[in-house]
Amino acid sequence: MEPTTATTTTPAPFGVDDPRHVFGRAVAVGTATVAAVRPDQLDGPTPCSEMDVRHLLG
């Protein structure tokens, strides 16, 4: 068996075209939108007639 060595590296910074930037912003907007829904809005309609807000947020 050969000995192994581990090295630590610093992850490379995100590139300008890295989709994780856009994804992170989308998650932040979605989180804020869901958090802003008031309890009195949960039975409200959505564009899908089979679902109300409560079911959409699941």
N, C-alpha and C. Protein backbone atom coordinates (compact mmCIF):
# COMPACT_ATOMS: atom_id res chain seq x y z
N MET A 1 0.85 -1.17 0.00
CA MET A 1 0.00 0.00 0.00
C MET A 1 0.90 1.24 0.00
N GLU A 2 0.56 2.18 -0.83
CA GLU A 2 1.35 3.40 -0.93
C GLU A 2 0.74 4.49 -0.07
N PRO A 3 1.58 5.27 0.60
CA PRO A 3 1.02 6.38 1.39
C PRO A 3 0.44 7.45 0.46
N THR A 4 -0.59 8.07 0.92
CA THR A 4 -1.19 9.16 0.15
C THR A 4 -1.10 10.44 0.96
N THR A 5 -1.11 11.51 0.27
CA THR A 5 -1.12 12.81 0.93
C THR A 5 -2.33 13.58 0.44
N ALA A 6 -2.89 14.33 1.32
CA ALA A 6 -4.04 15.16 0.95
C ALA A 6 -3.59 16.62 0.94
N THR A 7 -4.05 17.32 -0.03
CA THR A 7 -3.77 18.74 -0.08
C THR A 7 -5.08 19.50 -0.04
N THR A 8 -5.05 20.64 0.51
CA THR A 8 -6.25 21.48 0.53
C THR A 8 -6.08 22.56 -0.52
N THR A 9 -7.15 22.81 -1.20
CA THR A 9 -7.14 23.85 -2.21
C THR A 9 -8.32 24.77 -1.97
N THR A 10 -8.16 25.96 -2.37
CA THR A 10 -9.25 26.93 -2.30
C THR A 10 -10.06 26.80 -3.58
N PRO A 11 -11.39 26.65 -3.44
CA PRO A 11 -12.20 26.54 -4.66
C PRO A 11 -12.03 27.77 -5.54
N ALA A 12 -12.06 27.55 -6.82
CA ALA A 12 -11.95 28.66 -7.76
C ALA A 12 -13.18 29.55 -7.64
N PRO A 13 -13.02 30.85 -7.77
CA PRO A 13 -14.19 31.74 -7.73
C PRO A 13 -15.10 31.48 -8.93
N PHE A 14 -16.36 31.80 -8.75
CA PHE A 14 -17.32 31.62 -9.84
C PHE A 14 -16.93 32.49 -11.02
N GLY A 15 -17.07 31.95 -12.21
CA GLY A 15 -16.84 32.73 -13.42
C GLY A 15 -18.07 33.57 -13.73
N VAL A 16 -17.91 34.53 -14.59
CA VAL A 16 -19.01 35.42 -14.96
C VAL A 16 -20.17 34.64 -15.55
N ASP A 17 -19.88 33.60 -16.32
CA ASP A 17 -20.94 32.84 -16.97
C ASP A 17 -21.38 31.63 -16.15
N ASP A 18 -20.98 31.54 -14.91
CA ASP A 18 -21.35 30.43 -14.05
C ASP A 18 -22.84 30.53 -13.71
N PRO A 19 -23.65 29.51 -13.98
CA PRO A 19 -25.09 29.59 -13.74
C PRO A 19 -25.46 29.63 -12.26
N ARG A 20 -24.53 29.35 -11.38
CA ARG A 20 -24.85 29.37 -9.95
C ARG A 20 -25.20 30.77 -9.47
N HIS A 21 -24.68 31.81 -10.11
CA HIS A 21 -25.05 33.18 -9.75
C HIS A 21 -26.54 33.41 -10.02
N VAL A 22 -26.97 33.04 -11.20
CA VAL A 22 -28.37 33.23 -11.59
C VAL A 22 -29.26 32.35 -10.72
N PHE A 23 -28.86 31.12 -10.49
CA PHE A 23 -29.64 30.21 -9.65
C PHE A 23 -29.77 30.77 -8.23
N GLY A 24 -28.69 31.28 -7.69
CA GLY A 24 -28.73 31.85 -6.34
C GLY A 24 -29.69 33.02 -6.24
N ARG A 25 -29.69 33.87 -7.25
CA ARG A 25 -30.63 35.01 -7.26
C ARG A 25 -32.06 34.50 -7.38
N ALA A 26 -32.28 33.49 -8.23
CA ALA A 26 -33.63 32.94 -8.40
C ALA A 26 -34.14 32.34 -7.09
N VAL A 27 -33.28 31.63 -6.39
CA VAL A 27 -33.67 31.04 -5.10
C VAL A 27 -34.01 32.14 -4.10
N ALA A 28 -33.22 33.20 -4.07
CA ALA A 28 -33.48 34.31 -3.15
C ALA A 28 -34.82 34.98 -3.45
N VAL A 29 -35.11 35.21 -4.73
CA VAL A 29 -36.39 35.83 -5.11
C VAL A 29 -37.54 34.89 -4.76
N GLY A 30 -37.41 33.61 -5.08
CA GLY A 30 -38.46 32.64 -4.77
C GLY A 30 -38.72 32.53 -3.27
N THR A 31 -37.65 32.49 -2.50
CA THR A 31 -37.78 32.41 -1.04
C THR A 31 -38.50 33.63 -0.49
N ALA A 32 -38.13 34.80 -0.95
CA ALA A 32 -38.77 36.03 -0.48
C ALA A 32 -40.24 36.07 -0.90
N THR A 33 -40.54 35.59 -2.09
CA THR A 33 -41.92 35.59 -2.58
C THR A 33 -42.79 34.66 -1.75
N VAL A 34 -42.32 33.46 -1.49
CA VAL A 34 -43.08 32.51 -0.69
C VAL A 34 -43.23 33.02 0.74
N ALA A 35 -42.19 33.60 1.29
CA ALA A 35 -42.24 34.12 2.66
C ALA A 35 -43.23 35.27 2.80
N ALA A 36 -43.49 35.98 1.71
CA ALA A 36 -44.39 37.13 1.76
C ALA A 36 -45.87 36.74 1.66
N VAL A 37 -46.16 35.48 1.39
CA VAL A 37 -47.56 35.05 1.29
C VAL A 37 -48.17 35.05 2.70
N ARG A 38 -49.28 35.75 2.83
CA ARG A 38 -49.98 35.84 4.12
C ARG A 38 -50.95 34.67 4.26
N PRO A 39 -51.26 34.26 5.48
CA PRO A 39 -52.21 33.16 5.68
C PRO A 39 -53.55 33.39 4.99
N ASP A 40 -54.02 34.64 4.93
CA ASP A 40 -55.31 34.91 4.30
C ASP A 40 -55.26 34.78 2.78
N GLN A 41 -54.07 34.61 2.21
CA GLN A 41 -53.93 34.44 0.76
C GLN A 41 -53.87 32.97 0.34
N LEU A 42 -53.77 32.05 1.29
CA LEU A 42 -53.54 30.65 0.96
C LEU A 42 -54.69 30.01 0.18
N ASP A 43 -55.90 30.47 0.37
CA ASP A 43 -57.03 29.91 -0.37
C ASP A 43 -57.31 30.65 -1.67
N GLY A 44 -56.44 31.57 -2.04
CA GLY A 44 -56.60 32.35 -3.26
C GLY A 44 -56.36 31.52 -4.51
N PRO A 45 -56.87 31.98 -5.64
CA PRO A 45 -56.72 31.25 -6.90
C PRO A 45 -55.32 31.40 -7.49
N THR A 46 -55.00 30.49 -8.38
CA THR A 46 -53.77 30.55 -9.18
C THR A 46 -54.18 30.43 -10.64
N PRO A 47 -53.28 30.62 -11.58
CA PRO A 47 -53.64 30.45 -12.99
C PRO A 47 -54.11 29.03 -13.32
N CYS A 48 -53.72 28.06 -12.51
CA CYS A 48 -54.15 26.67 -12.70
C CYS A 48 -55.42 26.46 -11.87
N SER A 49 -56.54 26.23 -12.52
CA SER A 49 -57.82 26.17 -11.82
C SER A 49 -57.91 25.02 -10.81
N GLU A 50 -57.07 24.01 -10.94
CA GLU A 50 -57.10 22.88 -10.02
C GLU A 50 -56.36 23.16 -8.71
N MET A 51 -55.61 24.26 -8.65
CA MET A 51 -54.79 24.53 -7.47
C MET A 51 -55.07 25.91 -6.90
N ASP A 52 -55.11 25.98 -5.57
CA ASP A 52 -55.11 27.28 -4.92
C ASP A 52 -53.68 27.55 -4.45
N VAL A 53 -53.45 28.68 -3.83
CA VAL A 53 -52.09 29.05 -3.42
C VAL A 53 -51.53 28.03 -2.44
N ARG A 54 -52.35 27.55 -1.52
CA ARG A 54 -51.90 26.57 -0.53
C ARG A 54 -51.35 25.32 -1.21
N HIS A 55 -52.06 24.81 -2.21
CA HIS A 55 -51.60 23.60 -2.92
C HIS A 55 -50.36 23.88 -3.77
N LEU A 56 -50.30 25.05 -4.35
CA LEU A 56 -49.14 25.41 -5.16
C LEU A 56 -47.88 25.46 -4.31
N LEU A 57 -47.99 26.02 -3.11
CA LEU A 57 -46.83 26.11 -2.23
C LEU A 57 -46.50 24.78 -1.57
N GLY A 58 -47.49 23.89 -1.53
CA GLY A 58 -47.32 22.52 -1.06
C GLY A 58 -46.69 22.36 0.24
